[in-house]
Amino acid sequence: MVYSVRHVEFDQGEEWLKKTTTVTVILPIYNEEKCIVNTLKSVIQFAQVKPHYQFIFVDDGSSDRTPEILQAEISSLKNLNICAFFNSDNRGKGYAVKTGVLQTNSEFICFLDADLAYTLDYLDLVVAKLEKFDIVIGCRTLTPKWGNGFNFSRKLAGKIFNFISRQVLNLKFTDMQAGIKGFKKSAARDLFKTQTMPGFGFDVELIYLAEKKGYSIEEIPVIVSSKHLYKESKVKLFKHSLEMLFNLIQIRSNDLFGKYD
């Protein structure tokens, strides 16, 4: 099956995406009609103060009103580095992030959950760390508020998955799936061209590839926004736990059979 990606232009023209800005932030989004307007307001305020940031929303085949709202809101903007891509089908968060990464030419490339589970204020810290490291990842376990208000089952599932990830893939990191990460352009281009996972497992695959290729990785402490804690989770504990376990086995298998070489 062939999936198409539709780029919506907002008066900037095709050259807009090709220009070099300092930082591009990819915001993958799926069925977020309840929060997308507030997210856009926060992004617009941030972009007005910091024009060296570019924001690319990638809608991953939403089935609610997210695409219509996103297109209408961004169409009204002028002279801001904000645009959107729309995948015709739902492929997964990893696929959406990859779509955005491969469109930009910025010196630094970050991705952030589009519901702003982690505030935009973290971006400056990520970029500052990228001056010295190839990759920067958010880590919830580095804060005194471990668990960040999540219920017991979410905390337990996170701990178990990260433990299994470390054992299966021999990785040292205790939190590999926080939705905030940053890359130098060269590292991002290399890793996302090699990365294969379209779904939730893409974070771990990226970190595994980065370790394999010898990129330097720095962790920063992050705390989930208090507003986000009241949001109903889209994570299905049993289903996604099995999916993630399969992803870990697939990553190890891909490496064994030379797919990452």
C-alpha atoms as a PDB file:
ATOM      1  CA  MET A   1       0.000   0.000   0.000  1.00  0.00           C
ATOM      2  CA  VAL A   2       1.301   3.440  -0.904  1.00  0.00           C
ATOM      3  CA  TYR A   3       0.817   6.257   1.584  1.00  0.00           C
ATOM      4  CA  SER A   4       0.945   9.867   0.494  1.00  0.00           C
ATOM      5  CA  VAL A   5       2.036  12.884   2.481  1.00  0.00           C
ATOM      6  CA  ARG A   6       0.365  16.181   1.679  1.00  0.00           C
ATOM      7  CA  HIS A   7       2.229  19.368   2.465  1.00  0.00           C
ATOM      8  CA  VAL A   8       0.034  22.375   3.065  1.00  0.00           C
ATOM      9  CA  GLU A   9       1.656  25.687   2.186  1.00  0.00           C
ATOM     10  CA  PHE A  10       0.748  28.837   4.034  1.00  0.00           C
ATOM     11  CA  ASP A  11       1.997  31.640   1.770  1.00  0.00           C
ATOM     12  CA  GLN A  12       5.661  30.899   2.507  1.00  0.00           C
ATOM     13  CA  GLY A  13       6.211  28.944  -0.711  1.00  0.00           C
ATOM     14  CA  GLU A  14       8.287  25.828  -1.344  1.00  0.00           C
ATOM     15  CA  GLU A  15      11.559  27.534  -0.424  1.00  0.00           C
ATOM     16  CA  TRP A  16      10.378  28.023   3.143  1.00  0.00           C
ATOM     17  CA  LEU A  17      11.222  24.501   4.259  1.00  0.00           C
ATOM     18  CA  LYS A  18      14.603  24.559   2.513  1.00  0.00           C
ATOM     19  CA  LYS A  19      15.925  27.610   4.297  1.00  0.00           C
ATOM     20  CA  THR A  20      18.307  27.170   7.174  1.00  0.00           C
ATOM     21  CA  THR A  21      16.937  28.033  10.590  1.00  0.00           C
ATOM     22  CA  THR A  22      18.719  27.233  13.820  1.00  0.00           C
ATOM     23  CA  VAL A  23      16.145  24.828  15.286  1.00  0.00           C
ATOM     24  CA  THR A  24      13.274  22.841  13.814  1.00  0.00           C
ATOM     25  CA  VAL A  25      10.735  21.286  16.166  1.00  0.00           C
ATOM     26  CA  ILE A  26       8.627  18.400  14.854  1.00  0.00           C
ATOM     27  CA  LEU A  27       5.234  17.936  16.526  1.00  0.00           C
ATOM     28  CA  PRO A  28       3.624  14.590  15.550  1.00  0.00           C
ATOM     29  CA  ILE A  29      -0.114  14.710  16.074  1.00  0.00           C
ATOM     30  CA  TYR A  30      -3.010  12.260  15.959  1.00  0.00           C
ATOM     31  CA  ASN A  31      -6.627  12.883  16.998  1.00  0.00           C
ATOM     32  CA  GLU A  32      -5.913  15.894  19.200  1.00  0.00           C
ATOM     33  CA  GLU A  33      -8.906  18.096  18.348  1.00  0.00           C
ATOM     34  CA  LYS A  34      -9.420  18.886  22.043  1.00  0.00           C
ATOM     35  CA  CYS A  35      -5.980  20.370  22.598  1.00  0.00           C
ATOM     36  CA  ILE A  36      -4.663  21.461  19.182  1.00  0.00           C
ATOM     37  CA  VAL A  37      -5.873  25.070  19.447  1.00  0.00           C
ATOM     38  CA  ASN A  38      -4.172  25.545  22.823  1.00  0.00           C
ATOM     39  CA  THR A  39      -1.027  23.910  21.494  1.00  0.00           C
ATOM     40  CA  LEU A  40      -0.988  26.282  18.536  1.00  0.00           C
ATOM     41  CA  LYS A  41      -1.444  29.298  20.802  1.00  0.00           C
ATOM     42  CA  SER A  42       1.581  28.241  22.850  1.00  0.00           C
ATOM     43  CA  VAL A  43       3.658  27.568  19.734  1.00  0.00           C
ATOM     44  CA  ILE A  44       2.714  30.923  18.175  1.00  0.00           C
ATOM     45  CA  GLN A  45       3.663  32.821  21.322  1.00  0.00           C
ATOM     46  CA  PHE A  46       6.978  30.985  21.473  1.00  0.00           C
ATOM     47  CA  ALA A  47       7.728  31.519  17.753  1.00  0.00           C
ATOM     48  CA  GLN A  48       6.988  35.235  17.974  1.00  0.00           C
ATOM     49  CA  VAL A  49       9.621  35.689  20.669  1.00  0.00           C
ATOM     50  CA  LYS A  50      12.129  33.244  19.154  1.00  0.00           C
ATOM     51  CA  PRO A  51      12.073  33.468  15.349  1.00  0.00           C
ATOM     52  CA  HIS A  52      15.078  31.147  14.987  1.00  0.00           C
ATOM     53  CA  TYR A  53      12.731  28.256  15.803  1.00  0.00           C
ATOM     54  CA  GLN A  54      10.757  26.529  13.039  1.00  0.00           C
ATOM     55  CA  PHE A  55       7.747  24.327  13.859  1.00  0.00           C
ATOM     56  CA  ILE A  56       6.441  21.507  11.673  1.00  0.00           C
ATOM     57  CA  PHE A  57       3.206  19.779  12.653  1.00  0.00           C
ATOM     58  CA  VAL A  58       2.774  16.323  11.118  1.00  0.00           C
ATOM     59  CA  ASP A  59      -0.780  15.004  11.329  1.00  0.00           C
ATOM     60  CA  ASP A  60      -0.665  11.217  11.138  1.00  0.00           C
ATOM     61  CA  GLY A  61      -3.993  10.512   9.461  1.00  0.00           C
ATOM     62  CA  SER A  62      -6.251  11.818  12.235  1.00  0.00           C
ATOM     63  CA  SER A  63      -9.863  10.631  12.055  1.00  0.00           C
ATOM     64  CA  ASP A  64     -11.288  13.524  14.085  1.00  0.00           C
ATOM     65  CA  ARG A  65     -11.328  17.266  13.266  1.00  0.00           C
ATOM     66  CA  THR A  66      -7.625  17.791  13.981  1.00  0.00           C
ATOM     67  CA  PRO A  67      -6.589  18.263  10.303  1.00  0.00           C
ATOM     68  CA  GLU A  68      -9.351  20.805   9.610  1.00  0.00           C
ATOM     69  CA  ILE A  69      -8.610  22.791  12.756  1.00  0.00           C
ATOM     70  CA  LEU A  70      -4.862  22.682  12.160  1.00  0.00           C
ATOM     71  CA  GLN A  71      -5.166  23.825   8.551  1.00  0.00           C
ATOM     72  CA  ALA A  72      -7.604  26.630   9.363  1.00  0.00           C
ATOM     73  CA  GLU A  73      -5.549  27.961  12.264  1.00  0.00           C
ATOM     74  CA  ILE A  74      -2.182  27.877  10.479  1.00  0.00           C
ATOM     75  CA  SER A  75      -3.652  29.360   7.284  1.00  0.00           C
ATOM     76  CA  SER A  76      -4.345  32.572   9.186  1.00  0.00           C
ATOM     77  CA  LEU A  77      -0.735  33.004  10.317  1.00  0.00           C
ATOM     78  CA  LYS A  78       1.634  35.402   8.612  1.00  0.00           C
ATOM     79  CA  ASN A  79       5.411  35.459   8.696  1.00  0.00           C
ATOM     80  CA  LEU A  80       5.810  32.765  11.322  1.00  0.00           C
ATOM     81  CA  ASN A  81       7.892  29.620  10.889  1.00  0.00           C
ATOM     82  CA  ILE A  82       4.980  27.237  11.357  1.00  0.00           C
ATOM     83  CA  CYS A  83       3.613  24.756   8.808  1.00  0.00           C
ATOM     84  CA  ALA A  84       1.969  21.338   8.594  1.00  0.00           C
ATOM     85  CA  PHE A  85       2.107  18.043   6.740  1.00  0.00           C
ATOM     86  CA  PHE A  86      -0.808  15.634   6.578  1.00  0.00           C
ATOM     87  CA  ASN A  87      -0.281  11.887   6.196  1.00  0.00           C
ATOM     88  CA  SER A  88      -3.161  10.305   4.325  1.00  0.00           C
ATOM     89  CA  ASP A  89      -3.200   7.285   6.654  1.00  0.00           C
ATOM     90  CA  ASN A  90      -2.293   6.568  10.245  1.00  0.00           C
ATOM     91  CA  ARG A  91       1.195   5.040  10.243  1.00  0.00           C
ATOM     92  CA  GLY A  92       2.464   5.744  13.754  1.00  0.00           C
ATOM     93  CA  LYS A  93       4.347   8.363  15.731  1.00  0.00           C
ATOM     94  CA  GLY A  94       7.739   7.248  14.440  1.00  0.00           C
ATOM     95  CA  TYR A  95       6.619   7.619  10.848  1.00  0.00           C
ATOM     96  CA  ALA A  96       5.212  11.082  11.543  1.00  0.00           C
ATOM     97  CA  VAL A  97       8.402  12.305  13.214  1.00  0.00           C
ATOM     98  CA  LYS A  98      10.511  10.886  10.385  1.00  0.00           C
ATOM     99  CA  THR A  99       8.324  12.709   7.843  1.00  0.00           C
ATOM    100  CA  GLY A 100       9.115  16.021   9.512  1.00  0.00           C
ATOM    101  CA  VAL A 101      12.808  15.367  10.127  1.00  0.00           C
ATOM    102  CA  LEU A 102      13.518  14.570   6.491  1.00  0.00           C
ATOM    103  CA  GLN A 103      11.942  17.876   5.382  1.00  0.00           C
ATOM    104  CA  THR A 104      14.165  20.267   7.309  1.00  0.00           C
ATOM    105  CA  ASN A 105      17.651  21.688   6.967  1.00  0.00           C
ATOM    106  CA  SER A 106      18.061  23.176  10.433  1.00  0.00           C
ATOM    107  CA  GLU A 107      21.224  22.922  12.482  1.00  0.00           C
ATOM    108  CA  PHE A 108      19.318  21.297  15.344  1.00  0.00           C
ATOM    109  CA  ILE A 109      16.206  19.114  15.061  1.00  0.00           C
ATOM    110  CA  CYS A 110      13.901  18.287  17.972  1.00  0.00           C
ATOM    111  CA  PHE A 111      10.625  16.487  18.376  1.00  0.00           C
ATOM    112  CA  LEU A 112       8.044  17.167  21.023  1.00  0.00           C
ATOM    113  CA  ASP A 113       4.665  15.614  21.820  1.00  0.00           C
ATOM    114  CA  ALA A 114       2.035  17.827  20.193  1.00  0.00           C
ATOM    115  CA  ASP A 115      -0.138  17.870  23.309  1.00  0.00           C
ATOM    116  CA  LEU A 116       2.810  19.624  25.011  1.00  0.00           C
ATOM    117  CA  ALA A 117       3.190  17.024  27.731  1.00  0.00           C
ATOM    118  CA  TYR A 118       6.573  18.723  28.094  1.00  0.00           C
ATOM    119  CA  THR A 119       6.499  22.482  27.851  1.00  0.00           C
ATOM    120  CA  LEU A 120       8.207  24.454  25.111  1.00  0.00           C
ATOM    121  CA  ASP A 121      10.486  25.963  27.753  1.00  0.00           C
ATOM    122  CA  TYR A 122      12.552  22.768  27.672  1.00  0.00           C
ATOM    123  CA  LEU A 123      13.603  23.447  24.074  1.00  0.00           C
ATOM    124  CA  ASP A 124      16.242  26.024  24.974  1.00  0.00           C
ATOM    125  CA  LEU A 125      17.840  23.561  27.391  1.00  0.00           C
ATOM    126  CA  VAL A 126      17.838  20.830  24.733  1.00  0.00           C
ATOM    127  CA  VAL A 127      19.479  23.144  22.203  1.00  0.00           C
ATOM    128  CA  ALA A 128      22.081  24.339  24.725  1.00  0.00           C
ATOM    129  CA  LYS A 129      23.054  20.728  25.403  1.00  0.00           C
ATOM    130  CA  LEU A 130      23.240  20.011  21.658  1.00  0.00           C
ATOM    131  CA  GLU A 131      26.182  22.381  21.450  1.00  0.00           C
ATOM    132  CA  LYS A 132      28.208  19.642  23.184  1.00  0.00           C
ATOM    133  CA  PHE A 133      26.308  16.424  22.433  1.00  0.00           C
ATOM    134  CA  ASP A 134      24.921  14.785  19.285  1.00  0.00           C
ATOM    135  CA  ILE A 135      21.625  13.778  20.913  1.00  0.00           C
ATOM    136  CA  VAL A 136      19.680  14.977  23.952  1.00  0.00           C
ATOM    137  CA  ILE A 137      16.828  12.971  25.479  1.00  0.00           C
ATOM    138  CA  GLY A 138      14.325  13.890  28.174  1.00  0.00           C
ATOM    139  CA  CYS A 139      14.408  11.665  31.231  1.00  0.00           C
ATOM    140  CA  ARG A 140      11.615  11.604  33.810  1.00  0.00           C
ATOM    141  CA  THR A 141      13.576   9.419  36.230  1.00  0.00           C
ATOM    142  CA  LEU A 142      16.141  12.180  36.829  1.00  0.00           C
ATOM    143  CA  THR A 143      13.589  14.311  38.664  1.00  0.00           C
ATOM    144  CA  PRO A 144      12.515  13.963  42.314  1.00  0.00           C
ATOM    145  CA  LYS A 145       8.961  13.650  40.984  1.00  0.00           C
ATOM    146  CA  TRP A 146       9.500  10.233  39.382  1.00  0.00           C
ATOM    147  CA  GLY A 147       6.171   9.089  38.043  1.00  0.00           C
ATOM    148  CA  ASN A 148       5.179  12.677  37.342  1.00  0.00           C
ATOM    149  CA  GLY A 149       1.684  12.073  38.694  1.00  0.00           C
ATOM    150  CA  PHE A 150       0.926   9.052  36.487  1.00  0.00           C
ATOM    151  CA  ASN A 151      -1.116   6.278  38.081  1.00  0.00           C
ATOM    152  CA  PHE A 152       0.561   3.176  39.459  1.00  0.00           C
ATOM    153  CA  SER A 153      -0.045   0.980  36.399  1.00  0.00           C
ATOM    154  CA  ARG A 154       1.496   3.572  34.053  1.00  0.00           C
ATOM    155  CA  LYS A 155       4.542   3.949  36.295  1.00  0.00           C
ATOM    156  CA  LEU A 156       4.975   0.203  36.636  1.00  0.00           C
ATOM    157  CA  ALA A 157       4.603  -0.398  32.888  1.00  0.00           C
ATOM    158  CA  GLY A 158       7.195   2.285  32.162  1.00  0.00           C
ATOM    159  CA  LYS A 159       9.682   0.816  34.616  1.00  0.00           C
ATOM    160  CA  ILE A 160       9.199  -2.720  33.316  1.00  0.00           C
ATOM    161  CA  PHE A 161       9.538  -1.710  29.676  1.00  0.00           C
ATOM    162  CA  ASN A 162      12.684   0.309  30.301  1.00  0.00           C
ATOM    163  CA  PHE A 163      14.174  -2.550  32.336  1.00  0.00           C
ATOM    164  CA  ILE A 164      13.474  -5.046  29.543  1.00  0.00           C
ATOM    165  CA  SER A 165      14.837  -2.585  26.960  1.00  0.00           C
ATOM    166  CA  ARG A 166      18.094  -2.288  28.866  1.00  0.00           C
ATOM    167  CA  GLN A 167      18.406  -6.063  29.167  1.00  0.00           C
ATOM    168  CA  VAL A 168      17.478  -6.981  25.591  1.00  0.00           C
ATOM    169  CA  LEU A 169      19.380  -4.159  23.888  1.00  0.00           C
ATOM    170  CA  ASN A 170      22.113  -3.582  26.480  1.00  0.00           C
ATOM    171  CA  LEU A 171      21.209   0.086  26.886  1.00  0.00           C
ATOM    172  CA  LYS A 172      22.036   2.105  29.996  1.00  0.00           C
ATOM    173  CA  PHE A 173      19.217   4.668  29.894  1.00  0.00           C
ATOM    174  CA  THR A 174      16.342   4.498  32.373  1.00  0.00           C
ATOM    175  CA  ASP A 175      13.781   6.476  30.372  1.00  0.00           C
ATOM    176  CA  MET A 176      13.872   6.182  26.598  1.00  0.00           C
ATOM    177  CA  GLN A 177      10.314   7.124  25.652  1.00  0.00           C
ATOM    178  CA  ALA A 178       9.745  10.604  27.005  1.00  0.00           C
ATOM    179  CA  GLY A 179       8.299  12.627  24.123  1.00  0.00           C
ATOM    180  CA  ILE A 180      11.081  15.188  23.915  1.00  0.00           C
ATOM    181  CA  LYS A 181      14.374  14.619  22.123  1.00  0.00           C
ATOM    182  CA  GLY A 182      16.864  16.688  20.146  1.00  0.00           C
ATOM    183  CA  PHE A 183      19.526  15.942  17.533  1.00  0.00           C
ATOM    184  CA  LYS A 184      22.279  17.660  15.648  1.00  0.00           C
ATOM    185  CA  LYS A 185      21.347  17.712  11.965  1.00  0.00           C
ATOM    186  CA  SER A 186      23.990  15.190  10.897  1.00  0.00           C
ATOM    187  CA  ALA A 187      22.914  12.695  13.571  1.00  0.00           C
ATOM    188  CA  ALA A 188      19.211  13.151  12.822  1.00  0.00           C
ATOM    189  CA  ARG A 189      19.675  12.620   9.089  1.00  0.00           C
ATOM    190  CA  ASP A 190      21.764   9.507   9.633  1.00  0.00           C
ATOM    191  CA  LEU A 191      19.562   7.913  12.286  1.00  0.00           C
ATOM    192  CA  PHE A 192      16.158   8.607  10.762  1.00  0.00           C
ATOM    193  CA  LYS A 193      17.234   7.295   7.366  1.00  0.00           C
ATOM    194  CA  THR A 194      18.242   4.038   9.055  1.00  0.00           C
ATOM    195  CA  GLN A 195      15.349   3.824  11.531  1.00  0.00           C
ATOM    196  CA  THR A 196      12.559   1.407  10.557  1.00  0.00           C
ATOM    197  CA  MET A 197       9.953   1.431  13.359  1.00  0.00           C
ATOM    198  CA  PRO A 198       6.843   3.483  12.512  1.00  0.00           C
ATOM    199  CA  GLY A 199       5.180   3.157  15.925  1.00  0.00           C
ATOM    200  CA  PHE A 200       5.923   3.623  19.631  1.00  0.00           C
ATOM    201  CA  GLY A 201       9.158   1.605  19.502  1.00  0.00           C
ATOM    202  CA  PHE A 202      10.917   4.179  17.334  1.00  0.00           C
ATOM    203  CA  ASP A 203      12.378   6.047  20.349  1.00  0.00           C
ATOM    204  CA  VAL A 204      14.238   2.986  21.575  1.00  0.00           C
ATOM    205  CA  GLU A 205      15.343   2.070  18.057  1.00  0.00           C
ATOM    206  CA  LEU A 206      16.833   5.549  17.593  1.00  0.00           C
ATOM    207  CA  ILE A 207      18.760   5.317  20.854  1.00  0.00           C
ATOM    208  CA  TYR A 208      19.972   1.818  20.001  1.00  0.00           C
ATOM    209  CA  LEU A 209      21.180   3.019  16.607  1.00  0.00           C
ATOM    210  CA  ALA A 210      22.835   6.068  18.166  1.00  0.00           C
ATOM    211  CA  GLU A 211      24.767   3.876  20.597  1.00  0.00           C
ATOM    212  CA  LYS A 212      25.732   1.489  17.799  1.00  0.00           C
ATOM    213  CA  LYS A 213      27.016   4.356  15.654  1.00  0.00           C
ATOM    214  CA  GLY A 214      28.887   6.010  18.508  1.00  0.00           C
ATOM    215  CA  TYR A 215      26.902   9.233  18.857  1.00  0.00           C
ATOM    216  CA  SER A 216      27.121  11.065  22.175  1.00  0.00           C
ATOM    217  CA  ILE A 217      23.873  11.135  24.166  1.00  0.00           C
ATOM    218  CA  GLU A 218      22.986  13.425  27.069  1.00  0.00           C
ATOM    219  CA  GLU A 219      19.957  13.099  29.360  1.00  0.00           C
ATOM    220  CA  ILE A 220      18.097  16.057  30.843  1.00  0.00           C
ATOM    221  CA  PRO A 221      15.515  15.897  33.651  1.00  0.00           C
ATOM    222  CA  VAL A 222      11.961  16.616  32.501  1.00  0.00           C
ATOM    223  CA  ILE A 223       8.642  16.814  34.318  1.00  0.00           C
ATOM    224  CA  VAL A 224       5.294  16.136  32.665  1.00  0.00           C
ATOM    225  CA  SER A 225       3.064  19.209  32.528  1.00  0.00           C
ATOM    226  CA  SER A 226       0.405  19.225  35.249  1.00  0.00           C
ATOM    227  CA  LYS A 227      -2.257  19.910  32.607  1.00  0.00           C
ATOM    228  CA  HIS A 228      -1.258  16.788  30.716  1.00  0.00           C
ATOM    229  CA  LEU A 229      -1.828  14.549  33.733  1.00  0.00           C
ATOM    230  CA  TYR A 230      -5.584  15.081  33.473  1.00  0.00           C
ATOM    231  CA  LYS A 231      -5.658  13.949  29.851  1.00  0.00           C
ATOM    232  CA  GLU A 232      -6.981  10.483  29.045  1.00  0.00           C
ATOM    233  CA  SER A 233      -4.072   8.346  27.888  1.00  0.00           C
ATOM    234  CA  LYS A 234      -4.107   6.773  24.421  1.00  0.00           C
ATOM    235  CA  VAL A 235      -1.737   4.078  25.615  1.00  0.00           C
ATOM    236  CA  LYS A 236      -3.410   0.663  25.908  1.00  0.00           C
ATOM    237  CA  LEU A 237      -1.288  -0.991  28.567  1.00  0.00           C
ATOM    238  CA  PHE A 238      -1.534  -4.657  27.534  1.00  0.00           C
ATOM    239  CA  LYS A 239      -1.656  -4.082  23.779  1.00  0.00           C
ATOM    240  CA  HIS A 240       1.198  -1.592  23.646  1.00  0.00           C
ATOM    241  CA  SER A 241       3.326  -3.550  26.109  1.00  0.00           C
ATOM    242  CA  LEU A 242       3.191  -6.571  23.800  1.00  0.00           C
ATOM    243  CA  GLU A 243       3.858  -4.346  20.803  1.00  0.00           C
ATOM    244  CA  MET A 244       6.874  -2.786  22.486  1.00  0.00           C
ATOM    245  CA  LEU A 245       8.276  -6.191  23.468  1.00  0.00           C
ATOM    246  CA  PHE A 246       7.934  -7.313  19.856  1.00  0.00           C
ATOM    247  CA  ASN A 247       9.688  -4.100  18.779  1.00  0.00           C
ATOM    248  CA  LEU A 248      12.675  -4.873  21.033  1.00  0.00           C
ATOM    249  CA  ILE A 249      13.006  -8.344  19.530  1.00  0.00           C
ATOM    250  CA  GLN A 250      12.705  -6.853  16.049  1.00  0.00           C
ATOM    251  CA  ILE A 251      15.438  -4.282  16.762  1.00  0.00           C
ATOM    252  CA  ARG A 252      17.800  -7.014  17.922  1.00  0.00           C
ATOM    253  CA  SER A 253      16.866  -9.127  14.891  1.00  0.00           C
ATOM    254  CA  ASN A 254      17.410  -6.218  12.476  1.00  0.00           C
ATOM    255  CA  ASP A 255      20.889  -5.718  13.855  1.00  0.00           C
ATOM    256  CA  LEU A 256      21.695  -9.423  13.777  1.00  0.00           C
ATOM    257  CA  PHE A 257      20.762  -9.640  10.099  1.00  0.00           C
ATOM    258  CA  GLY A 258      22.689  -6.505   9.142  1.00  0.00           C
ATOM    259  CA  LYS A 259      19.736  -4.201   8.393  1.00  0.00           C
ATOM    260  CA  TYR A 260      21.405  -1.341  10.290  1.00  0.00           C
ATOM    261  CA  ASP A 261      24.781  -1.622   8.518  1.00  0.00           C
END
